[in-house]
Protein backbone atom coordinates (compact mmCIF):
# COMPACT_ATOMS: atom_id res chain seq x y z
CA MET A 1 0.00 0.00 0.00
CA LYS A 2 1.45 3.30 -1.09
CA MET A 3 1.42 6.44 1.04
CA LYS A 4 -0.72 8.17 -1.58
CA GLU A 5 -3.42 5.52 -1.12
CA ILE A 6 -3.25 5.93 2.65
CA THR A 7 -3.64 9.72 2.52
CA GLU A 8 -6.78 9.38 0.39
CA LEU A 9 -8.55 7.21 2.99
CA SER A 10 -10.61 8.62 5.85
CA THR A 11 -9.64 8.01 9.46
CA ASP A 12 -12.37 5.39 9.92
CA GLU A 13 -11.25 3.58 6.81
CA LEU A 14 -7.65 3.63 8.04
CA LEU A 15 -8.65 2.20 11.40
CA THR A 16 -10.59 -0.57 9.69
CA LYS A 17 -7.72 -1.28 7.31
CA ARG A 18 -5.25 -1.43 10.22
CA ARG A 19 -7.47 -3.87 12.08
CA ASP A 20 -7.80 -6.09 9.00
CA LEU A 21 -4.06 -6.06 8.32
CA ARG A 22 -3.27 -6.93 11.94
CA GLN A 23 -5.70 -9.81 11.80
CA GLU A 24 -4.17 -11.06 8.55
CA ARG A 25 -0.71 -10.80 10.10
CA LEU A 26 -1.87 -12.90 13.04
CA HIS A 27 -3.18 -15.62 10.72
CA LEU A 28 0.05 -15.61 8.73
CA ARG A 29 2.12 -15.88 11.90
CA LEU A 30 0.06 -18.88 12.95
CA GLN A 31 0.64 -20.46 9.55
CA GLN A 32 4.35 -19.76 9.91
CA GLN A 33 4.46 -21.50 13.27
CA SER A 34 2.75 -24.57 11.85
CA GLY A 35 5.03 -24.58 8.78
CA GLN A 36 2.26 -23.88 6.26
CA LEU A 37 3.25 -20.34 5.25
CA GLU A 38 3.75 -20.11 1.49
CA GLN A 39 4.79 -16.44 1.21
CA PRO A 40 7.07 -15.41 4.08
CA SER A 41 7.65 -12.03 2.43
CA ARG A 42 3.96 -11.21 2.94
CA LEU A 43 4.58 -10.86 6.70
CA ARG A 44 7.20 -8.19 6.06
CA LEU A 45 4.91 -6.27 3.71
CA LEU A 46 2.04 -6.39 6.20
CA ARG A 47 4.25 -5.11 9.00
CA ARG A 48 5.36 -2.18 6.87
CA ASP A 49 1.83 -1.35 5.73
CA ILE A 50 0.62 -1.35 9.34
CA ALA A 51 3.48 0.96 10.31
CA ARG A 52 2.65 3.34 7.45
CA ILE A 53 -0.99 3.49 8.52
CA GLU A 54 -0.12 4.05 12.17
CA THR A 55 2.34 6.79 11.24
CA HIS A 56 -0.25 8.57 9.14
CA LEU A 57 -2.89 8.25 11.87
CA SER A 58 -0.54 9.77 14.45
CA GLN A 59 0.30 12.61 12.07
CA ARG A 60 -3.39 13.34 11.58
CA GLU A 61 -3.91 13.31 15.34
CA LYS A 62 -1.07 15.79 15.87
CA GLN A 63 -2.51 18.07 13.20
CA THR A 64 -5.92 18.12 14.85
CA GLU A 65 -4.34 18.86 18.26
CA ALA A 66 -2.37 21.76 16.79
CA LYS A 67 -5.52 23.45 15.46
């Protein structure tokens, strides 16, 4: 997920997306533990996407506090 895509989403959509990505990451980690994970690189991409979303959410929060 690109930063441009993230900036176009509303705060509610970002919160929902973050929840979904965290849930997907949990399922992939469980698959990894059981040895059934087919795409280990997907875990890395999910972690980065979650971090991007959380960064953007915190930036939005700081902007609203500053106003």
